[in-house]
Amino acid sequence: MPLILTDDDVHQFLSPAEAVAVMESVFRARANGDTSGAPRWEMPFPEGRMTFTAGAVPQGIGFRVYVRGTFDHDDQVVVVWDRQTAALKGIITGGALGALRTGAIGGTAIKHMTPPEATSLALIGTGRQAWTQLQAIMAVRPLAEVRVHSRTPEHRAAFCEKAQAQWPDLKIAPVDDVETAVRDAALVVSATTSKHPLILGEWLAPDAHVSTLGTRGRSNREIDEEVVRRAGWIVTDSPEQMRSYPDGTILQDTGILLHELADVVAGKIERPQRGGISLFVSTGLAGTEVALAARLLELVASA
């Protein structure tokens, strides 16, 4: 009988460190040609849109579907089949798995794209995606300082209070504007839904790393053209997804070579020695949610 799991199971059985390890295994498999997937497909309707993504990874085959629009909940479904037998293994409902997966992809990028001494973080955003990014980064890197900005002062303060309770030795503080958060930070992570640039290239340290996971289109993005111009190394988890955006992306027509995170994780590509800004554009590689769901199913079944 297939298992049906919820957010409670995700929180109980999957740690950020475990999630990062699963993502690393998927990216290594992709670098070796052992995964397949396709860009997200969306079905619009008057109140919103339904989004569907599917992939095959060593851990299984499956899909994820979710609805966005004028709703106050985040119900999602991930379905996993055994890759060898095509037997249905289980179903995971709720939004926690997807958020943990996205955070783990971000943590994987930080781990493999940045030097160990990069321990100061500017975090833009204080929603669930920002929290899972911080969790994953803390799982792979002992941060010394975090500066947090979002639009609402109360949200910034609550986010920092929650983080301080979880990591008592971490120096973390809310700041009033993006520039103050970003200047001199070794790591910059933006997890917002902003449709206009929040992070300006002129604010960044010469060898900063930037991860963006919000809007990515040419006409709606979190970073300005100067970030891209200064970037000596640009990486994404899914070039196919990048190419699928209807209005193109900010990287289009720049002539900059776009690298795959899979090749970085597998050691096929190393950080350029000349330094400069590195940029990770997170899109959500198809199949990563299936791999994490499969791991959750294994942990629950063996408990």
C-alpha atoms as a PDB file:
ATOM      1  CA  MET A   1       0.000   0.000   0.000  1.00  0.00           C
ATOM      2  CA  PRO A   2       1.548   3.377  -1.000  1.00  0.00           C
ATOM      3  CA  LEU A   3       2.333   5.743   1.852  1.00  0.00           C
ATOM      4  CA  ILE A   4       0.563   9.096   2.074  1.00  0.00           C
ATOM      5  CA  LEU A   5       2.654  11.637   3.988  1.00  0.00           C
ATOM      6  CA  THR A   6       2.206  15.265   5.068  1.00  0.00           C
ATOM      7  CA  ASP A   7       4.194  18.298   6.176  1.00  0.00           C
ATOM      8  CA  ASP A   8       4.438  16.791   9.662  1.00  0.00           C
ATOM      9  CA  ASP A   9       6.402  13.855   8.233  1.00  0.00           C
ATOM     10  CA  VAL A  10       8.700  16.200   6.326  1.00  0.00           C
ATOM     11  CA  HIS A  11       9.497  18.148   9.497  1.00  0.00           C
ATOM     12  CA  GLN A  12       9.996  14.983  11.553  1.00  0.00           C
ATOM     13  CA  PHE A  13      12.156  12.918   9.200  1.00  0.00           C
ATOM     14  CA  LEU A  14      14.013  15.262   6.832  1.00  0.00           C
ATOM     15  CA  SER A  15      16.745  17.593   8.063  1.00  0.00           C
ATOM     16  CA  PRO A  16      18.263  20.355   5.920  1.00  0.00           C
ATOM     17  CA  ALA A  17      21.563  18.450   5.890  1.00  0.00           C
ATOM     18  CA  GLU A  18      19.813  15.309   4.634  1.00  0.00           C
ATOM     19  CA  ALA A  19      18.041  17.357   1.966  1.00  0.00           C
ATOM     20  CA  VAL A  20      21.340  18.857   0.753  1.00  0.00           C
ATOM     21  CA  ALA A  21      22.860  15.374   0.522  1.00  0.00           C
ATOM     22  CA  VAL A  22      19.926  14.233  -1.617  1.00  0.00           C
ATOM     23  CA  MET A  23      20.293  17.243  -3.909  1.00  0.00           C
ATOM     24  CA  GLU A  24      24.008  16.577  -4.324  1.00  0.00           C
ATOM     25  CA  SER A  25      23.263  12.997  -5.346  1.00  0.00           C
ATOM     26  CA  VAL A  26      20.750  14.180  -7.949  1.00  0.00           C
ATOM     27  CA  PHE A  27      23.156  16.712  -9.442  1.00  0.00           C
ATOM     28  CA  ARG A  28      25.935  14.137  -9.653  1.00  0.00           C
ATOM     29  CA  ALA A  29      23.526  11.794 -11.407  1.00  0.00           C
ATOM     30  CA  ARG A  30      22.536  14.562 -13.822  1.00  0.00           C
ATOM     31  CA  ALA A  31      26.191  15.232 -14.616  1.00  0.00           C
ATOM     32  CA  ASN A  32      26.476  11.541 -15.522  1.00  0.00           C
ATOM     33  CA  GLY A  33      23.353  11.587 -17.698  1.00  0.00           C
ATOM     34  CA  ASP A  34      21.203   9.571 -15.279  1.00  0.00           C
ATOM     35  CA  THR A  35      18.277  11.993 -14.898  1.00  0.00           C
ATOM     36  CA  SER A  36      15.598  13.391 -17.158  1.00  0.00           C
ATOM     37  CA  GLY A  37      13.012  16.112 -16.832  1.00  0.00           C
ATOM     38  CA  ALA A  38      11.285  18.955 -18.593  1.00  0.00           C
ATOM     39  CA  PRO A  39      10.492  22.610 -17.876  1.00  0.00           C
ATOM     40  CA  ARG A  40       7.429  23.335 -15.782  1.00  0.00           C
ATOM     41  CA  TRP A  41       4.109  23.362 -17.582  1.00  0.00           C
ATOM     42  CA  GLU A  42       1.337  25.709 -16.458  1.00  0.00           C
ATOM     43  CA  MET A  43      -2.410  25.606 -16.965  1.00  0.00           C
ATOM     44  CA  PRO A  44      -4.015  29.005 -16.353  1.00  0.00           C
ATOM     45  CA  PHE A  45      -7.560  29.465 -15.113  1.00  0.00           C
ATOM     46  CA  PRO A  46      -9.470  32.563 -13.942  1.00  0.00           C
ATOM     47  CA  GLU A  47      -8.400  32.336 -10.299  1.00  0.00           C
ATOM     48  CA  GLY A  48      -4.771  31.377 -10.874  1.00  0.00           C
ATOM     49  CA  ARG A  49      -2.711  28.616 -12.457  1.00  0.00           C
ATOM     50  CA  MET A  50      -1.862  24.969 -11.945  1.00  0.00           C
ATOM     51  CA  THR A  51       1.817  24.060 -12.364  1.00  0.00           C
ATOM     52  CA  PHE A  52       3.110  20.602 -13.230  1.00  0.00           C
ATOM     53  CA  THR A  53       6.675  19.315 -13.256  1.00  0.00           C
ATOM     54  CA  ALA A  54       8.003  15.787 -13.660  1.00  0.00           C
ATOM     55  CA  GLY A  55      11.347  14.029 -13.602  1.00  0.00           C
ATOM     56  CA  ALA A  56      13.216  10.748 -13.445  1.00  0.00           C
ATOM     57  CA  VAL A  57      16.118  10.438 -11.005  1.00  0.00           C
ATOM     58  CA  PRO A  58      17.951   7.422  -9.545  1.00  0.00           C
ATOM     59  CA  GLN A  59      15.656   7.507  -6.511  1.00  0.00           C
ATOM     60  CA  GLY A  60      12.465   7.201  -8.573  1.00  0.00           C
ATOM     61  CA  ILE A  61      10.180   8.762 -11.148  1.00  0.00           C
ATOM     62  CA  GLY A  62       7.311  11.073 -10.448  1.00  0.00           C
ATOM     63  CA  PHE A  63       5.747  14.484 -10.605  1.00  0.00           C
ATOM     64  CA  ARG A  64       4.833  17.502  -8.525  1.00  0.00           C
ATOM     65  CA  VAL A  65       1.729  19.614  -9.018  1.00  0.00           C
ATOM     66  CA  TYR A  66       0.608  22.763  -7.216  1.00  0.00           C
ATOM     67  CA  VAL A  67      -1.820  25.656  -7.600  1.00  0.00           C
ATOM     68  CA  ARG A  68      -1.097  29.366  -7.247  1.00  0.00           C
ATOM     69  CA  GLY A  69      -3.544  32.241  -7.336  1.00  0.00           C
ATOM     70  CA  THR A  70      -6.079  33.955  -5.104  1.00  0.00           C
ATOM     71  CA  PHE A  71      -5.813  31.356  -2.339  1.00  0.00           C
ATOM     72  CA  ASP A  72      -4.624  31.421   1.259  1.00  0.00           C
ATOM     73  CA  HIS A  73      -3.067  27.948   1.378  1.00  0.00           C
ATOM     74  CA  ASP A  74      -0.164  26.082  -0.197  1.00  0.00           C
ATOM     75  CA  ASP A  75      -1.345  22.561  -0.913  1.00  0.00           C
ATOM     76  CA  GLN A  76       0.983  20.602  -3.190  1.00  0.00           C
ATOM     77  CA  VAL A  77       1.268  16.974  -4.215  1.00  0.00           C
ATOM     78  CA  VAL A  78       4.392  14.953  -5.060  1.00  0.00           C
ATOM     79  CA  VAL A  79       3.875  11.421  -6.381  1.00  0.00           C
ATOM     80  CA  VAL A  80       6.707   8.875  -6.577  1.00  0.00           C
ATOM     81  CA  TRP A  81       6.980   5.580  -8.461  1.00  0.00           C
ATOM     82  CA  ASP A  82       9.761   3.009  -8.213  1.00  0.00           C
ATOM     83  CA  ARG A  83      12.073   3.524 -11.182  1.00  0.00           C
ATOM     84  CA  GLN A  84      12.784  -0.188 -11.672  1.00  0.00           C
ATOM     85  CA  THR A  85       9.296  -1.637 -11.158  1.00  0.00           C
ATOM     86  CA  ALA A  86       6.997   1.366 -11.773  1.00  0.00           C
ATOM     87  CA  ALA A  87       5.196   0.496  -8.521  1.00  0.00           C
ATOM     88  CA  LEU A  88       3.613   3.479  -6.821  1.00  0.00           C
ATOM     89  CA  LYS A  89       5.701   4.194  -3.707  1.00  0.00           C
ATOM     90  CA  GLY A  90       3.851   7.088  -2.139  1.00  0.00           C
ATOM     91  CA  ILE A  91       2.352  10.561  -2.127  1.00  0.00           C
ATOM     92  CA  ILE A  92       3.455  13.621  -0.177  1.00  0.00           C
ATOM     93  CA  THR A  93       1.027  16.497   0.363  1.00  0.00           C
ATOM     94  CA  GLY A  94       1.602  20.040   1.622  1.00  0.00           C
ATOM     95  CA  GLY A  95       4.152  22.746   0.910  1.00  0.00           C
ATOM     96  CA  ALA A  96       7.026  21.825   3.247  1.00  0.00           C
ATOM     97  CA  LEU A  97       8.762  19.379   0.903  1.00  0.00           C
ATOM     98  CA  GLY A  98       8.991  21.871  -1.961  1.00  0.00           C
ATOM     99  CA  ALA A  99      10.357  24.623   0.263  1.00  0.00           C
ATOM    100  CA  LEU A 100      12.919  22.269   1.814  1.00  0.00           C
ATOM    101  CA  ARG A 101      13.973  21.139  -1.672  1.00  0.00           C
ATOM    102  CA  THR A 102      14.489  24.715  -2.872  1.00  0.00           C
ATOM    103  CA  GLY A 103      16.482  25.571   0.229  1.00  0.00           C
ATOM    104  CA  ALA A 104      18.642  22.487  -0.247  1.00  0.00           C
ATOM    105  CA  ILE A 105      19.405  23.439  -3.850  1.00  0.00           C
ATOM    106  CA  GLY A 106      20.510  26.848  -2.584  1.00  0.00           C
ATOM    107  CA  GLY A 107      22.645  25.275   0.116  1.00  0.00           C
ATOM    108  CA  THR A 108      24.236  22.976  -2.451  1.00  0.00           C
ATOM    109  CA  ALA A 109      25.132  25.965  -4.623  1.00  0.00           C
ATOM    110  CA  ILE A 110      26.690  27.813  -1.681  1.00  0.00           C
ATOM    111  CA  LYS A 111      28.668  24.718  -0.643  1.00  0.00           C
ATOM    112  CA  HIS A 112      30.142  24.074  -4.097  1.00  0.00           C
ATOM    113  CA  MET A 113      30.377  27.584  -5.568  1.00  0.00           C
ATOM    114  CA  THR A 114      31.861  29.574  -2.691  1.00  0.00           C
ATOM    115  CA  PRO A 115      35.057  29.351  -0.613  1.00  0.00           C
ATOM    116  CA  PRO A 116      34.842  28.148   3.013  1.00  0.00           C
ATOM    117  CA  GLU A 117      35.861  31.567   4.325  1.00  0.00           C
ATOM    118  CA  ALA A 118      32.677  33.143   2.912  1.00  0.00           C
ATOM    119  CA  THR A 119      30.736  33.318   6.190  1.00  0.00           C
ATOM    120  CA  SER A 120      28.821  36.622   6.086  1.00  0.00           C
ATOM    121  CA  LEU A 121      25.329  36.487   4.581  1.00  0.00           C
ATOM    122  CA  ALA A 122      22.878  39.114   3.403  1.00  0.00           C
ATOM    123  CA  LEU A 123      19.424  37.530   3.283  1.00  0.00           C
ATOM    124  CA  ILE A 124      16.705  39.425   1.429  1.00  0.00           C
ATOM    125  CA  GLY A 125      13.262  38.102   2.295  1.00  0.00           C
ATOM    126  CA  THR A 126      11.799  36.581   5.447  1.00  0.00           C
ATOM    127  CA  GLY A 127       9.231  34.116   4.120  1.00  0.00           C
ATOM    128  CA  ARG A 128       9.357  30.330   4.141  1.00  0.00           C
ATOM    129  CA  GLN A 129      11.764  30.204   1.198  1.00  0.00           C
ATOM    130  CA  ALA A 130      14.170  32.544   2.998  1.00  0.00           C
ATOM    131  CA  TRP A 131      13.995  30.350   6.106  1.00  0.00           C
ATOM    132  CA  THR A 132      14.801  27.119   4.239  1.00  0.00           C
ATOM    133  CA  GLN A 133      17.672  28.869   2.452  1.00  0.00           C
ATOM    134  CA  LEU A 134      19.139  29.866   5.803  1.00  0.00           C
ATOM    135  CA  GLN A 135      18.624  26.376   7.222  1.00  0.00           C
ATOM    136  CA  ALA A 136      20.421  24.764   4.286  1.00  0.00           C
ATOM    137  CA  ILE A 137      23.298  27.252   4.332  1.00  0.00           C
ATOM    138  CA  MET A 138      23.774  26.737   8.067  1.00  0.00           C
ATOM    139  CA  ALA A 139      23.917  22.998   7.387  1.00  0.00           C
ATOM    140  CA  VAL A 140      26.861  23.388   4.993  1.00  0.00           C
ATOM    141  CA  ARG A 141      28.634  26.520   6.240  1.00  0.00           C
ATOM    142  CA  PRO A 142      29.261  27.865   9.782  1.00  0.00           C
ATOM    143  CA  LEU A 143      28.083  31.424   9.182  1.00  0.00           C
ATOM    144  CA  ALA A 144      29.495  34.170  11.372  1.00  0.00           C
ATOM    145  CA  GLU A 145      27.068  36.972  10.514  1.00  0.00           C
ATOM    146  CA  VAL A 146      23.645  37.335   8.873  1.00  0.00           C
ATOM    147  CA  ARG A 147      21.966  40.617   7.953  1.00  0.00           C
ATOM    148  CA  VAL A 148      18.268  40.278   7.138  1.00  0.00           C
ATOM    149  CA  HIS A 149      16.007  42.626   5.212  1.00  0.00           C
ATOM    150  CA  SER A 150      12.386  42.417   4.108  1.00  0.00           C
ATOM    151  CA  ARG A 151       9.651  44.966   3.522  1.00  0.00           C
ATOM    152  CA  THR A 152       7.989  44.606   6.943  1.00  0.00           C
ATOM    153  CA  PRO A 153       9.985  45.474  10.084  1.00  0.00           C
ATOM    154  CA  GLU A 154       7.885  43.124  12.221  1.00  0.00           C
ATOM    155  CA  HIS A 155       8.638  40.213   9.893  1.00  0.00           C
ATOM    156  CA  ARG A 156      12.364  40.998   9.966  1.00  0.00           C
ATOM    157  CA  ALA A 157      12.410  41.079  13.747  1.00  0.00           C
ATOM    158  CA  ALA A 158      10.411  37.849  14.077  1.00  0.00           C
ATOM    159  CA  PHE A 159      12.624  36.051  11.565  1.00  0.00           C
ATOM    160  CA  CYS A 160      15.805  37.050  13.398  1.00  0.00           C
ATOM    161  CA  GLU A 161      14.328  36.095  16.772  1.00  0.00           C
ATOM    162  CA  LYS A 162      13.420  32.648  15.436  1.00  0.00           C
ATOM    163  CA  ALA A 163      16.882  32.178  13.916  1.00  0.00           C
ATOM    164  CA  GLN A 164      18.622  33.321  17.091  1.00  0.00           C
ATOM    165  CA  ALA A 165      16.661  30.756  19.084  1.00  0.00           C
ATOM    166  CA  GLN A 166      17.751  27.973  16.725  1.00  0.00           C
ATOM    167  CA  TRP A 167      21.394  29.105  16.407  1.00  0.00           C
ATOM    168  CA  PRO A 168      22.255  30.957  19.648  1.00  0.00           C
ATOM    169  CA  ASP A 169      25.860  31.678  18.613  1.00  0.00           C
ATOM    170  CA  LEU A 170      24.921  33.196  15.264  1.00  0.00           C
ATOM    171  CA  LYS A 171      25.253  36.954  14.915  1.00  0.00           C
ATOM    172  CA  ILE A 172      22.020  37.869  13.128  1.00  0.00           C
ATOM    173  CA  ALA A 173      20.251  41.219  12.886  1.00  0.00           C
ATOM    174  CA  PRO A 174      17.482  42.914  10.900  1.00  0.00           C
ATOM    175  CA  VAL A 175      18.447  45.900   8.761  1.00  0.00           C
ATOM    176  CA  ASP A 176      16.278  48.636   7.293  1.00  0.00           C
ATOM    177  CA  ASP A 177      17.356  48.560   3.643  1.00  0.00           C
ATOM    178  CA  VAL A 178      18.786  46.217   1.030  1.00  0.00           C
ATOM    179  CA  GLU A 179      21.964  48.211   0.455  1.00  0.00           C
ATOM    180  CA  THR A 180      22.944  48.027   4.132  1.00  0.00           C
ATOM    181  CA  ALA A 181      22.375  44.278   4.111  1.00  0.00           C
ATOM    182  CA  VAL A 182      24.297  43.638   0.893  1.00  0.00           C
ATOM    183  CA  ARG A 183      27.368  45.861   1.190  1.00  0.00           C
ATOM    184  CA  ASP A 184      30.523  43.852   2.020  1.00  0.00           C
ATOM    185  CA  ALA A 185      28.575  40.591   2.420  1.00  0.00           C
ATOM    186  CA  ALA A 186      30.376  37.537   1.074  1.00  0.00           C
ATOM    187  CA  LEU A 187      27.080  35.762   0.369  1.00  0.00           C
ATOM    188  CA  VAL A 188      23.883  37.407  -0.874  1.00  0.00           C
ATOM    189  CA  VAL A 189      20.652  35.422  -1.131  1.00  0.00           C
ATOM    190  CA  SER A 190      17.435  36.939  -2.429  1.00  0.00           C
ATOM    191  CA  ALA A 191      14.204  35.040  -1.782  1.00  0.00           C
ATOM    192  CA  THR A 192      11.416  37.426  -2.705  1.00  0.00           C
ATOM    193  CA  THR A 193       8.618  37.859  -5.213  1.00  0.00           C
ATOM    194  CA  SER A 194       9.795  41.299  -6.297  1.00  0.00           C
ATOM    195  CA  LYS A 195       9.230  42.163  -9.948  1.00  0.00           C
ATOM    196  CA  HIS A 196      11.867  44.892  -9.967  1.00  0.00           C
ATOM    197  CA  PRO A 197      15.573  44.744  -9.078  1.00  0.00           C
ATOM    198  CA  LEU A 198      16.286  44.834  -5.360  1.00  0.00           C
ATOM    199  CA  ILE A 199      20.019  44.071  -5.512  1.00  0.00           C
ATOM    200  CA  LEU A 200      22.245  46.457  -7.439  1.00  0.00           C
ATOM    201  CA  GLY A 201      25.608  45.346  -8.728  1.00  0.00           C
ATOM    202  CA  GLU A 202      27.305  48.512  -7.536  1.00  0.00           C
ATOM    203  CA  TRP A 203      26.675  47.477  -3.914  1.00  0.00           C
ATOM    204  CA  LEU A 204      28.379  44.096  -4.141  1.00  0.00           C
ATOM    205  CA  ALA A 205      31.812  43.211  -2.801  1.00  0.00           C
ATOM    206  CA  PRO A 206      34.344  42.374  -5.554  1.00  0.00           C
ATOM    207  CA  ASP A 207      34.193  38.625  -4.898  1.00  0.00           C
ATOM    208  CA  ALA A 208      30.641  38.287  -3.561  1.00  0.00           C
ATOM    209  CA  HIS A 209      28.358  35.380  -4.362  1.00  0.00           C
ATOM    210  CA  VAL A 210      24.716  36.070  -5.261  1.00  0.00           C
ATOM    211  CA  SER A 211      21.905  33.507  -5.267  1.00  0.00           C
ATOM    212  CA  THR A 212      18.535  34.549  -6.680  1.00  0.00           C
ATOM    213  CA  LEU A 213      15.467  32.339  -6.525  1.00  0.00           C
ATOM    214  CA  GLY A 214      12.555  34.699  -7.006  1.00  0.00           C
ATOM    215  CA  THR A 215      11.389  36.187 -10.278  1.00  0.00           C
ATOM    216  CA  ARG A 216      13.875  35.633 -13.093  1.00  0.00           C
ATOM    217  CA  GLY A 217      12.342  36.984 -16.304  1.00  0.00           C
ATOM    218  CA  ARG A 218      13.737  39.812 -18.402  1.00  0.00           C
ATOM    219  CA  SER A 219      10.980  42.142 -17.184  1.00  0.00           C
ATOM    220  CA  ASN A 220      10.721  40.915 -13.581  1.00  0.00           C
ATOM    221  CA  ARG A 221      13.823  40.002 -11.603  1.00  0.00           C
ATOM    222  CA  GLU A 222      15.510  40.588  -8.259  1.00  0.00           C
ATOM    223  CA  ILE A 223      18.914  41.688  -9.610  1.00  0.00           C
ATOM    224  CA  ASP A 224      19.921  44.455 -11.993  1.00  0.00           C
ATOM    225  CA  GLU A 225      22.033  44.276 -15.152  1.00  0.00           C
ATOM    226  CA  GLU A 226      25.146  45.376 -13.262  1.00  0.00           C
ATOM    227  CA  VAL A 227      25.094  42.181 -11.190  1.00  0.00           C
ATOM    228  CA  VAL A 228      25.160  40.156 -14.398  1.00  0.00           C
ATOM    229  CA  ARG A 229      27.797  42.384 -15.984  1.00  0.00           C
ATOM    230  CA  ARG A 230      30.120  41.968 -12.990  1.00  0.00           C
ATOM    231  CA  ALA A 231      29.545  38.226 -12.720  1.00  0.00           C
ATOM    232  CA  GLY A 232      32.498  36.179 -13.871  1.00  0.00           C
ATOM    233  CA  TRP A 233      30.713  32.909 -13.228  1.00  0.00           C
ATOM    234  CA  ILE A 234      26.990  32.228 -13.680  1.00  0.00           C
ATOM    235  CA  VAL A 235      25.442  28.893 -12.755  1.00  0.00           C
ATOM    236  CA  THR A 236      21.898  27.508 -12.805  1.00  0.00           C
ATOM    237  CA  ASP A 237      20.365  24.208 -11.785  1.00  0.00           C
ATOM    238  CA  SER A 238      18.287  23.919 -14.974  1.00  0.00           C
ATOM    239  CA  PRO A 239      19.212  25.632 -18.259  1.00  0.00           C
ATOM    240  CA  GLU A 240      16.073  24.079 -19.784  1.00  0.00           C
ATOM    241  CA  GLN A 241      13.884  25.920 -17.306  1.00  0.00           C
ATOM    242  CA  MET A 242      15.811  29.142 -17.896  1.00  0.00           C
ATOM    243  CA  ARG A 243      15.149  28.897 -21.614  1.00  0.00           C
ATOM    244  CA  SER A 244      11.428  28.327 -21.079  1.00  0.00           C
ATOM    245  CA  TYR A 245      10.488  31.749 -19.669  1.00  0.00           C
ATOM    246  CA  PRO A 246       8.196  33.506 -22.177  1.00  0.00           C
ATOM    247  CA  ASP A 247       9.865  36.932 -21.973  1.00  0.00           C
ATOM    248  CA  GLY A 248      13.412  35.582 -21.747  1.00  0.00           C
ATOM    249  CA  THR A 249      15.753  36.247 -18.851  1.00  0.00           C
ATOM    250  CA  ILE A 250      18.151  38.940 -17.721  1.00  0.00           C
ATOM    251  CA  LEU A 251      20.996  36.705 -18.899  1.00  0.00           C
ATOM    252  CA  GLN A 252      19.734  36.673 -22.470  1.00  0.00           C
ATOM    253  CA  ASP A 253      21.887  38.365 -25.119  1.00  0.00           C
ATOM    254  CA  THR A 254      24.765  38.883 -22.674  1.00  0.00           C
ATOM    255  CA  GLY A 255      27.049  36.364 -24.336  1.00  0.00           C
ATOM    256  CA  ILE A 256      27.962  34.987 -20.897  1.00  0.00           C
ATOM    257  CA  LEU A 257      28.405  31.235 -20.714  1.00  0.00           C
ATOM    258  CA  LEU A 258      25.845  29.661 -18.405  1.00  0.00           C
ATOM    259  CA  HIS A 259      27.158  26.680 -16.411  1.00  0.00           C
ATOM    260  CA  GLU A 260      25.205  23.855 -14.792  1.00  0.00           C
ATOM    261  CA  LEU A 261      25.240  23.266 -11.055  1.00  0.00           C
ATOM    262  CA  ALA A 262      25.408  19.538 -11.814  1.00  0.00           C
ATOM    263  CA  ASP A 263      28.819  19.977 -13.432  1.00  0.00           C
ATOM    264  CA  VAL A 264      30.018  22.072 -10.491  1.00  0.00           C
ATOM    265  CA  VAL A 265      28.897  19.484  -7.925  1.00  0.00           C
ATOM    266  CA  ALA A 266      30.446  16.672  -9.963  1.00  0.00           C
ATOM    267  CA  GLY A 267      33.778  18.526 -10.104  1.00  0.00           C
ATOM    268  CA  LYS A 268      33.706  19.004 -13.867  1.00  0.00           C
ATOM    269  CA  ILE A 269      33.815  22.799 -13.457  1.00  0.00           C
ATOM    270  CA  GLU A 270      35.689  24.725 -10.776  1.00  0.00           C
ATOM    271  CA  ARG A 271      35.330  28.283  -9.551  1.00  0.00           C
ATOM    272  CA  PRO A 272      37.358  30.597 -11.786  1.00  0.00           C
ATOM    273  CA  GLN A 273      40.701  31.546 -10.257  1.00  0.00           C
ATOM    274  CA  ARG A 274      40.406  35.143 -11.425  1.00  0.00           C
ATOM    275  CA  GLY A 275      37.752  35.829  -8.798  1.00  0.00           C
ATOM    276  CA  GLY A 276      34.871  38.189  -9.398  1.00  0.00           C
ATOM    277  CA  ILE A 277      31.224  37.850  -8.539  1.00  0.00           C
ATOM    278  CA  SER A 278      29.570  34.454  -8.829  1.00  0.00           C
ATOM    279  CA  LEU A 279      25.849  34.228  -9.553  1.00  0.00           C
ATOM    280  CA  PHE A 280      23.517  31.278  -8.994  1.00  0.00           C
ATOM    281  CA  VAL A 281      20.080  31.434 -10.617  1.00  0.00           C
ATOM    282  CA  SER A 282      17.846  28.856  -8.935  1.00  0.00           C
ATOM    283  CA  THR A 283      14.946  27.557 -11.023  1.00  0.00           C
ATOM    284  CA  GLY A 284      14.031  24.235  -9.392  1.00  0.00           C
ATOM    285  CA  LEU A 285      15.449  21.339 -11.412  1.00  0.00           C
ATOM    286  CA  ALA A 286      12.692  18.890 -12.350  1.00  0.00           C
ATOM    287  CA  GLY A 287      13.056  15.641 -10.443  1.00  0.00           C
ATOM    288  CA  THR A 288      14.744  17.051  -7.349  1.00  0.00           C
ATOM    289  CA  GLU A 289      11.435  17.068  -5.498  1.00  0.00           C
ATOM    290  CA  VAL A 290      10.897  13.434  -6.543  1.00  0.00           C
ATOM    291  CA  ALA A 291      14.293  12.448  -5.135  1.00  0.00           C
ATOM    292  CA  LEU A 292      13.613  14.182  -1.821  1.00  0.00           C
ATOM    293  CA  ALA A 293      10.152  12.638  -1.615  1.00  0.00           C
ATOM    294  CA  ALA A 294      11.622   9.189  -2.298  1.00  0.00           C
ATOM    295  CA  ARG A 295      14.130   9.657   0.506  1.00  0.00           C
ATOM    296  CA  LEU A 296      11.342  10.723   2.870  1.00  0.00           C
ATOM    297  CA  LEU A 297       9.349   7.623   1.969  1.00  0.00           C
ATOM    298  CA  GLU A 298      12.388   5.447   2.728  1.00  0.00           C
ATOM    299  CA  LEU A 299      12.949   7.081   6.120  1.00  0.00           C
ATOM    300  CA  VAL A 300       9.309   6.763   7.143  1.00  0.00           C
ATOM    301  CA  ALA A 301       9.052   3.159   5.965  1.00  0.00           C
ATOM    302  CA  SER A 302      12.138   2.166   7.968  1.00  0.00           C
ATOM    303  CA  ALA A 303      11.161   4.041  11.140  1.00  0.00           C
END
